[in-house]
PDB file of N, CA and C in Angstrom:
ATOM      1  N   MET A   1      96.853 105.859  91.157  1.00  0.00           N
ATOM      2  CA  MET A   1      96.607 104.471  91.469  1.00  0.00           C
ATOM      3  C   MET A   1      96.495 104.294  92.985  1.00  0.00           C
ATOM      4  N   ARG A   2      95.513 103.558  93.405  1.00  0.00           N
ATOM      5  CA  ARG A   2      95.279 103.359  94.833  1.00  0.00           C
ATOM      6  C   ARG A   2      96.197 102.291  95.413  1.00  0.00           C
ATOM      7  N   LYS A   3      96.684 102.524  96.642  1.00  0.00           N
ATOM      8  CA  LYS A   3      97.572 101.571  97.299  1.00  0.00           C
ATOM      9  C   LYS A   3      96.823 100.292  97.659  1.00  0.00           C
ATOM     10  N   GLN A   4      97.488  99.166  97.519  1.00  0.00           N
ATOM     11  CA  GLN A   4      96.939  97.879  97.936  1.00  0.00           C
ATOM     12  C   GLN A   4      97.194  97.720  99.431  1.00  0.00           C
ATOM     13  N   PHE A   5      96.165  97.358 100.187  1.00  0.00           N
ATOM     14  CA  PHE A   5      96.312  97.199 101.631  1.00  0.00           C
ATOM     15  C   PHE A   5      96.071  95.749 101.992  1.00  0.00           C
ATOM     16  N   ILE A   6      97.000  95.151 102.690  1.00  0.00           N
ATOM     17  CA  ILE A   6      96.847  93.770 103.140  1.00  0.00           C
ATOM     18  C   ILE A   6      96.805  93.783 104.659  1.00  0.00           C
ATOM     19  N   SER A   7      95.756  93.218 105.213  1.00  0.00           N
ATOM     20  CA  SER A   7      95.552  93.248 106.657  1.00  0.00           C
ATOM     21  C   SER A   7      96.194  92.036 107.320  1.00  0.00           C
ATOM     22  N   ALA A   8      96.871  92.274 108.432  1.00  0.00           N
ATOM     23  CA  ALA A   8      97.334  91.185 109.288  1.00  0.00           C
ATOM     24  C   ALA A   8      96.269  91.026 110.355  1.00  0.00           C
ATOM     25  N   ARG A   9      95.406  90.052 110.182  1.00  0.00           N
ATOM     26  CA  ARG A   9      94.281  89.901 111.100  1.00  0.00           C
ATOM     27  C   ARG A   9      94.727  89.473 112.481  1.00  0.00           C
ATOM     28  N   ASP A  10      94.058  90.010 113.457  1.00  0.00           N
ATOM     29  CA  ASP A  10      94.287  89.660 114.841  1.00  0.00           C
ATOM     30  C   ASP A  10      93.901  88.205 115.085  1.00  0.00           C
ATOM     31  N   LYS A  11      94.518  87.603 116.060  1.00  0.00           N
ATOM     32  CA  LYS A  11      94.268  86.195 116.402  1.00  0.00           C
ATOM     33  C   LYS A  11      92.784  85.932 116.667  1.00  0.00           C
ATOM     34  N   PHE A  12      92.060  86.903 117.224  1.00  0.00           N
ATOM     35  CA  PHE A  12      90.672  86.695 117.612  1.00  0.00           C
ATOM     36  C   PHE A  12      89.664  87.274 116.618  1.00  0.00           C
ATOM     37  N   HIS A  13      90.116  87.691 115.446  1.00  0.00           N
ATOM     38  CA  HIS A  13      89.251  88.308 114.440  1.00  0.00           C
ATOM     39  C   HIS A  13      88.026  87.438 114.140  1.00  0.00           C
ATOM     40  N   ASN A  14      88.255  86.176 113.788  1.00  0.00           N
ATOM     41  CA  ASN A  14      87.148  85.297 113.402  1.00  0.00           C
ATOM     42  C   ASN A  14      86.232  84.968 114.577  1.00  0.00           C
ATOM     43  N   ILE A  15      86.781  84.900 115.779  1.00  0.00           N
ATOM     44  CA  ILE A  15      85.962  84.643 116.967  1.00  0.00           C
ATOM     45  C   ILE A  15      85.018  85.817 117.209  1.00  0.00           C
ATOM     46  N   VAL A  16      85.543  87.039 117.116  1.00  0.00           N
ATOM     47  CA  VAL A  16      84.721  88.232 117.311  1.00  0.00           C
ATOM     48  C   VAL A  16      83.674  88.326 116.201  1.00  0.00           C
ATOM     49  N   LYS A  17      84.072  88.051 114.972  1.00  0.00           N
ATOM     50  CA  LYS A  17      83.140  88.079 113.839  1.00  0.00           C
ATOM     51  C   LYS A  17      81.994  87.094 114.062  1.00  0.00           C
ATOM     52  N   SER A  18      82.322  85.894 114.466  1.00  0.00           N
ATOM     53  CA  SER A  18      81.308  84.869 114.717  1.00  0.00           C
ATOM     54  C   SER A  18      80.361  85.284 115.847  1.00  0.00           C
ATOM     55  N   ALA A  19      80.911  85.855 116.914  1.00  0.00           N
ATOM     56  CA  ALA A  19      80.087  86.303 118.049  1.00  0.00           C
ATOM     57  C   ALA A  19      79.118  87.406 117.611  1.00  0.00           C
ATOM     58  N   LEU A  20      79.592  88.333 116.794  1.00  0.00           N
ATOM     59  CA  LEU A  20      78.718  89.400 116.284  1.00  0.00           C
ATOM     60  C   LEU A  20      77.586  88.815 115.448  1.00  0.00           C
ATOM     61  N   GLN A  21      77.920  87.853 114.576  1.00  0.00           N
ATOM     62  CA  GLN A  21      76.905  87.237 113.729  1.00  0.00           C
ATOM     63  C   GLN A  21      75.874  86.478 114.566  1.00  0.00           C
ATOM     64  N   LYS A  22      76.327  85.766 115.583  1.00  0.00           N
ATOM     65  CA  LYS A  22      75.400  85.035 116.453  1.00  0.00           C
ATOM     66  C   LYS A  22      74.477  85.977 117.211  1.00  0.00           C
ATOM     67  N   ASP A  23      74.935  87.214 117.449  1.00  0.00           N
ATOM     68  CA  ASP A  23      74.132  88.202 118.151  1.00  0.00           C
ATOM     69  C   ASP A  23      73.218  88.982 117.196  1.00  0.00           C
ATOM     70  N   GLY A  24      73.199  88.594 115.939  1.00  0.00           N
ATOM     71  CA  GLY A  24      72.297  89.218 114.981  1.00  0.00           C
ATOM     72  C   GLY A  24      72.892  90.305 114.109  1.00  0.00           C
ATOM     73  N   TRP A  25      74.185  90.569 114.233  1.00  0.00           N
ATOM     74  CA  TRP A  25      74.824  91.589 113.407  1.00  0.00           C
ATOM     75  C   TRP A  25      75.154  90.994 112.039  1.00  0.00           C
ATOM     76  N   ARG A  26      74.959  91.782 110.992  1.00  0.00           N
ATOM     77  CA  ARG A  26      75.355  91.388 109.637  1.00  0.00           C
ATOM     78  C   ARG A  26      76.685  92.075 109.342  1.00  0.00           C
ATOM     79  N   ILE A  27      77.709  91.290 109.022  1.00  0.00           N
ATOM     80  CA  ILE A  27      79.032  91.848 108.739  1.00  0.00           C
ATOM     81  C   ILE A  27      78.981  92.510 107.357  1.00  0.00           C
ATOM     82  N   THR A  28      79.259  93.798 107.306  1.00  0.00           N
ATOM     83  CA  THR A  28      79.206  94.543 106.049  1.00  0.00           C
ATOM     84  C   THR A  28      80.589  94.779 105.456  1.00  0.00           C
ATOM     85  N   HIS A  29      81.611  94.740 106.291  1.00  0.00           N
ATOM     86  CA  HIS A  29      82.986  94.952 105.833  1.00  0.00           C
ATOM     87  C   HIS A  29      83.925  94.066 106.641  1.00  0.00           C
ATOM     88  N   GLU A  30      84.815  93.357 105.962  1.00  0.00           N
ATOM     89  CA  GLU A  30      85.876  92.621 106.658  1.00  0.00           C
ATOM     90  C   GLU A  30      87.002  93.584 107.025  1.00  0.00           C
ATOM     91  N   LEU A  31      87.115  94.644 106.294  1.00  0.00           N
ATOM     92  CA  LEU A  31      88.107  95.678 106.559  1.00  0.00           C
ATOM     93  C   LEU A  31      87.445  96.998 106.175  1.00  0.00           C
ATOM     94  N   LEU A  32      87.098  97.799 107.158  1.00  0.00           N
ATOM     95  CA  LEU A  32      86.342  99.025 106.933  1.00  0.00           C
ATOM     96  C   LEU A  32      87.303 100.191 106.718  1.00  0.00           C
ATOM     97  N   LEU A  33      87.241 100.807 105.551  1.00  0.00           N
ATOM     98  CA  LEU A  33      88.100 101.943 105.208  1.00  0.00           C
ATOM     99  C   LEU A  33      87.480 103.234 105.726  1.00  0.00           C
ATOM    100  N   ILE A  34      88.278 104.031 106.408  1.00  0.00           N
ATOM    101  CA  ILE A  34      87.880 105.373 106.811  1.00  0.00           C
ATOM    102  C   ILE A  34      88.876 106.328 106.170  1.00  0.00           C
ATOM    103  N   ARG A  35      88.393 107.161 105.262  1.00  0.00           N
ATOM    104  CA  ARG A  35      89.255 108.114 104.562  1.00  0.00           C
ATOM    105  C   ARG A  35      89.095 109.484 105.217  1.00  0.00           C
ATOM    106  N   ILE A  36      90.204 110.110 105.533  1.00  0.00           N
ATOM    107  CA  ILE A  36      90.180 111.421 106.182  1.00  0.00           C
ATOM    108  C   ILE A  36      90.657 112.474 105.188  1.00  0.00           C
ATOM    109  N   GLU A  37      89.691 113.166 104.580  1.00  0.00           N
ATOM    110  CA  GLU A  37      89.925 114.331 103.713  1.00  0.00           C
ATOM    111  C   GLU A  37      91.210 114.287 102.898  1.00  0.00           C
ATOM    112  N   ASN A  38      91.427 113.245 102.167  1.00  0.00           N
ATOM    113  CA  ASN A  38      92.616 113.079 101.309  1.00  0.00           C
ATOM    114  C   ASN A  38      93.929 113.171 102.074  1.00  0.00           C
ATOM    115  N   ILE A  39      93.877 113.044 103.405  1.00  0.00           N
ATOM    116  CA  ILE A  39      95.103 113.085 104.210  1.00  0.00           C
ATOM    117  C   ILE A  39      95.660 111.680 104.383  1.00  0.00           C
ATOM    118  N   THR A  40      94.796 110.769 104.820  1.00  0.00           N
ATOM    119  CA  THR A  40      95.250 109.405 105.072  1.00  0.00           C
ATOM    120  C   THR A  40      94.065 108.449 105.043  1.00  0.00           C
ATOM    121  N   ASP A  41      94.360 107.181 104.938  1.00  0.00           N
ATOM    122  CA  ASP A  41      93.361 106.127 105.035  1.00  0.00           C
ATOM    123  C   ASP A  41      93.617 105.349 106.311  1.00  0.00           C
ATOM    124  N   MET A  42      92.543 105.003 107.024  1.00  0.00           N
ATOM    125  CA  MET A  42      92.647 104.146 108.204  1.00  0.00           C
ATOM    126  C   MET A  42      91.719 102.964 107.975  1.00  0.00           C
ATOM    127  N   TYR A  43      92.070 101.823 108.543  1.00  0.00           N
ATOM    128  CA  TYR A  43      91.276 100.622 108.375  1.00  0.00           C
ATOM    129  C   TYR A  43      90.870 100.068 109.732  1.00  0.00           C
ATOM    130  N   ILE A  44      89.595  99.711 109.880  1.00  0.00           N
ATOM    131  CA  ILE A  44      89.078  99.068 111.081  1.00  0.00           C
ATOM    132  C   ILE A  44      88.750  97.639 110.708  1.00  0.00           C
ATOM    133  N   ASP A  45      88.982  96.697 111.637  1.00  0.00           N
ATOM    134  CA  ASP A  45      88.864  95.271 111.336  1.00  0.00           C
ATOM    135  C   ASP A  45      87.511  94.842 110.789  1.00  0.00           C
ATOM    136  N   LEU A  46      86.427  95.256 111.412  1.00  0.00           N
ATOM    137  CA  LEU A  46      85.096  94.822 110.990  1.00  0.00           C
ATOM    138  C   LEU A  46      84.116  95.983 110.987  1.00  0.00           C
ATOM    139  N   GLY A  47      83.224  95.962 110.036  1.00  0.00           N
ATOM    140  CA  GLY A  47      82.078  96.863 110.041  1.00  0.00           C
ATOM    141  C   GLY A  47      80.835  95.994 110.073  1.00  0.00           C
ATOM    142  N   ALA A  48      79.850  96.354 110.859  1.00  0.00           N
ATOM    143  CA  ALA A  48      78.651  95.524 110.973  1.00  0.00           C
ATOM    144  C   ALA A  48      77.427  96.387 111.186  1.00  0.00           C
ATOM    145  N   GLU A  49      76.278  95.814 110.869  1.00  0.00           N
ATOM    146  CA  GLU A  49      75.033  96.510 111.136  1.00  0.00           C
ATOM    147  C   GLU A  49      73.966  95.514 111.558  1.00  0.00           C
ATOM    148  N   ARG A  50      73.014  95.984 112.309  1.00  0.00           N
ATOM    149  CA  ARG A  50      71.894  95.156 112.747  1.00  0.00           C
ATOM    150  C   ARG A  50      70.635  96.007 112.641  1.00  0.00           C
ATOM    151  N   ILE A  51      69.624  95.453 112.034  1.00  0.00           N
ATOM    152  CA  ILE A  51      68.350  96.165 111.936  1.00  0.00           C
ATOM    153  C   ILE A  51      67.583  95.950 113.234  1.00  0.00           C
ATOM    154  N   ILE A  52      67.094  97.016 113.814  1.00  0.00           N
ATOM    155  CA  ILE A  52      66.319  96.956 115.048  1.00  0.00           C
ATOM    156  C   ILE A  52      64.855  96.794 114.659  1.00  0.00           C
ATOM    157  N   ALA A  53      64.220  95.736 115.133  1.00  0.00           N
ATOM    158  CA  ALA A  53      62.866  95.380 114.713  1.00  0.00           C
ATOM    159  C   ALA A  53      61.859  96.489 114.992  1.00  0.00           C
ATOM    160  N   ALA A  54      62.036  97.235 116.076  1.00  0.00           N
ATOM    161  CA  ALA A  54      61.062  98.247 116.462  1.00  0.00           C
ATOM    162  C   ALA A  54      61.292  99.584 115.768  1.00  0.00           C
ATOM    163  N   GLU A  55      62.372  99.691 115.024  1.00  0.00           N
ATOM    164  CA  GLU A  55      62.693 100.955 114.372  1.00  0.00           C
ATOM    165  C   GLU A  55      62.838 100.759 112.872  1.00  0.00           C
ATOM    166  N   LYS A  56      62.793 101.856 112.153  1.00  0.00           N
ATOM    167  CA  LYS A  56      62.992 101.800 110.713  1.00  0.00           C
ATOM    168  C   LYS A  56      64.463 101.912 110.339  1.00  0.00           C
ATOM    169  N   GLU A  57      65.234 102.562 111.193  1.00  0.00           N
ATOM    170  CA  GLU A  57      66.654 102.761 110.901  1.00  0.00           C
ATOM    171  C   GLU A  57      67.491 101.736 111.656  1.00  0.00           C
ATOM    172  N   GLY A  58      68.632 101.374 111.100  1.00  0.00           N
ATOM    173  CA  GLY A  58      69.510 100.394 111.739  1.00  0.00           C
ATOM    174  C   GLY A  58      70.623 101.039 112.527  1.00  0.00           C
ATOM    175  N   GLN A  59      71.275 100.247 113.342  1.00  0.00           N
ATOM    176  CA  GLN A  59      72.482 100.680 114.053  1.00  0.00           C
ATOM    177  C   GLN A  59      73.678 100.212 113.251  1.00  0.00           C
ATOM    178  N   ILE A  60      74.762 100.986 113.275  1.00  0.00           N
ATOM    179  CA  ILE A  60      75.990 100.610 112.586  1.00  0.00           C
ATOM    180  C   ILE A  60      77.148 100.723 113.574  1.00  0.00           C
ATOM    181  N   ILE A  61      78.024  99.712 113.584  1.00  0.00           N
ATOM    182  CA  ILE A  61      79.194  99.734 114.459  1.00  0.00           C
ATOM    183  C   ILE A  61      80.449  99.424 113.653  1.00  0.00           C
ATOM    184  N   ALA A  62      81.588  99.828 114.175  1.00  0.00           N
ATOM    185  CA  ALA A  62      82.890  99.454 113.641  1.00  0.00           C
ATOM    186  C   ALA A  62      83.642  98.791 114.791  1.00  0.00           C
ATOM    187  N   VAL A  63      84.293  97.655 114.526  1.00  0.00           N
ATOM    188  CA  VAL A  63      84.942  96.874 115.574  1.00  0.00           C
ATOM    189  C   VAL A  63      86.417  96.704 115.242  1.00  0.00           C
ATOM    190  N   GLU A  64      87.278  97.148 116.142  1.00  0.00           N
ATOM    191  CA  GLU A  64      88.719  96.932 116.027  1.00  0.00           C
ATOM    192  C   GLU A  64      89.075  95.844 117.026  1.00  0.00           C
ATOM    193  N   VAL A  65      89.692  94.762 116.551  1.00  0.00           N
ATOM    194  CA  VAL A  65      89.991  93.601 117.393  1.00  0.00           C
ATOM    195  C   VAL A  65      91.447  93.657 117.845  1.00  0.00           C
ATOM    196  N   LYS A  66      91.662  93.527 119.142  1.00  0.00           N
ATOM    197  CA  LYS A  66      93.015  93.522 119.717  1.00  0.00           C
ATOM    198  C   LYS A  66      93.161  92.342 120.667  1.00  0.00           C
ATOM    199  N   SER A  67      94.336  91.717 120.683  1.00  0.00           N
ATOM    200  CA  SER A  67      94.530  90.541 121.536  1.00  0.00           C
ATOM    201  C   SER A  67      95.500  90.765 122.692  1.00  0.00           C
ATOM    202  N   PHE A  68      96.426  91.704 122.580  1.00  0.00           N
ATOM    203  CA  PHE A  68      97.415  91.982 123.637  1.00  0.00           C
ATOM    204  C   PHE A  68      98.220  90.727 124.009  1.00  0.00           C
ATOM    205  N   ILE A  69      98.670  89.983 123.004  1.00  0.00           N
ATOM    206  CA  ILE A  69      99.432  88.759 123.281  1.00  0.00           C
ATOM    207  C   ILE A  69     100.914  88.892 122.922  1.00  0.00           C
ATOM    208  N   GLY A  70     101.351  90.087 122.579  1.00  0.00           N
ATOM    209  CA  GLY A  70     102.750  90.304 122.210  1.00  0.00           C
ATOM    210  C   GLY A  70     103.664  90.345 123.417  1.00  0.00           C
ATOM    211  N   THR A  71     104.905  90.665 123.184  1.00  0.00           N
ATOM    212  CA  THR A  71     105.902  90.672 124.249  1.00  0.00           C
ATOM    213  C   THR A  71     105.727  91.832 125.219  1.00  0.00           C
ATOM    214  N   SER A  72     105.139  92.941 124.764  1.00  0.00           N
ATOM    215  CA  SER A  72     104.943  94.097 125.638  1.00  0.00           C
ATOM    216  C   SER A  72     103.471  94.487 125.665  1.00  0.00           C
ATOM    217  N   THR A  73     102.777  94.079 126.707  1.00  0.00           N
ATOM    218  CA  THR A  73     101.362  94.388 126.841  1.00  0.00           C
ATOM    219  C   THR A  73     101.129  95.892 126.906  1.00  0.00           C
ATOM    220  N   ILE A  74     101.973  96.610 127.618  1.00  0.00           N
ATOM    221  CA  ILE A  74     101.783  98.054 127.770  1.00  0.00           C
ATOM    222  C   ILE A  74     101.987  98.771 126.434  1.00  0.00           C
ATOM    223  N   SER A  75     102.941  98.303 125.634  1.00  0.00           N
ATOM    224  CA  SER A  75     103.160  98.877 124.310  1.00  0.00           C
ATOM    225  C   SER A  75     101.944  98.634 123.414  1.00  0.00           C
ATOM    226  N   GLU A  76     101.392  97.430 123.461  1.00  0.00           N
ATOM    227  CA  GLU A  76     100.198  97.118 122.673  1.00  0.00           C
ATOM    228  C   GLU A  76      99.001  97.934 123.159  1.00  0.00           C
ATOM    229  N   PHE A  77      98.912  98.151 124.469  1.00  0.00           N
ATOM    230  CA  PHE A  77      97.847  98.979 125.031  1.00  0.00           C
ATOM    231  C   PHE A  77      97.944 100.408 124.492  1.00  0.00           C
ATOM    232  N   HIS A  78      99.152 100.971 124.486  1.00  0.00           N
ATOM    233  CA  HIS A  78      99.345 102.334 123.991  1.00  0.00           C
ATOM    234  C   HIS A  78      98.994 102.426 122.508  1.00  0.00           C
ATOM    235  N   THR A  79      99.340 101.411 121.738  1.00  0.00           N
ATOM    236  CA  THR A  79      98.986 101.376 120.325  1.00  0.00           C
ATOM    237  C   THR A  79      97.470 101.350 120.163  1.00  0.00           C
ATOM    238  N   ALA A  80      96.792 100.525 120.969  1.00  0.00           N
ATOM    239  CA  ALA A  80      95.331 100.424 120.898  1.00  0.00           C
ATOM    240  C   ALA A  80      94.665 101.748 121.285  1.00  0.00           C
ATOM    241  N   VAL A  81      95.165 102.400 122.331  1.00  0.00           N
ATOM    242  CA  VAL A  81      94.608 103.686 122.750  1.00  0.00           C
ATOM    243  C   VAL A  81      94.826 104.734 121.645  1.00  0.00           C
ATOM    244  N   GLY A  82      96.002 104.723 121.047  1.00  0.00           N
ATOM    245  CA  GLY A  82      96.277 105.644 119.946  1.00  0.00           C
ATOM    246  C   GLY A  82      95.331 105.422 118.776  1.00  0.00           C
ATOM    247  N   GLN A  83      95.087 104.164 118.429  1.00  0.00           N
ATOM    248  CA  GLN A  83      94.141 103.864 117.355  1.00  0.00           C
ATOM    249  C   GLN A  83      92.735 104.345 117.722  1.00  0.00           C
ATOM    250  N   PHE A  84      92.337 104.104 118.965  1.00  0.00           N
ATOM    251  CA  PHE A  84      91.020 104.543 119.406  1.00  0.00           C
ATOM    252  C   PHE A  84      90.866 106.054 119.254  1.00  0.00           C
ATOM    253  N   ILE A  85      91.888 106.788 119.663  1.00  0.00           N
ATOM    254  CA  ILE A  85      91.851 108.251 119.556  1.00  0.00           C
ATOM    255  C   ILE A  85      91.754 108.671 118.092  1.00  0.00           C
ATOM    256  N   ASN A  86      92.519 108.018 117.227  1.00  0.00           N
ATOM    257  CA  ASN A  86      92.470 108.347 115.789  1.00  0.00           C
ATOM    258  C   ASN A  86      91.096 108.032 115.198  1.00  0.00           C
ATOM    259  N   PHE A  87      90.531 106.892 115.537  1.00  0.00           N
ATOM    260  CA  PHE A  87      89.238 106.499 114.973  1.00  0.00           C
ATOM    261  C   PHE A  87      88.125 107.403 115.483  1.00  0.00           C
ATOM    262  N   ARG A  88      88.250 107.819 116.743  1.00  0.00           N
ATOM    263  CA  ARG A  88      87.203 108.667 117.330  1.00  0.00           C
ATOM    264  C   ARG A  88      87.182 109.995 116.607  1.00  0.00           C
TER     265      ARG A  88
END
């Protein structure tokens, strides 16, 4: 049985989503699952794609939203850098 995942959305999630849509991106995932060889699951806040008019293939991006509004900015920064390294 697969685990149920509930996301605690960042304060700016909807603002970033709206900005992407206004720039022509189509949101494909509200929570993008990345599975690593049956080891673990990771989730990125948004998945989006935009078709480039001059090309046949589209671009795809994954967006992780961070606000750094907690009590320890440096701790949140380290968490964000760690997530970036894992996602990369």
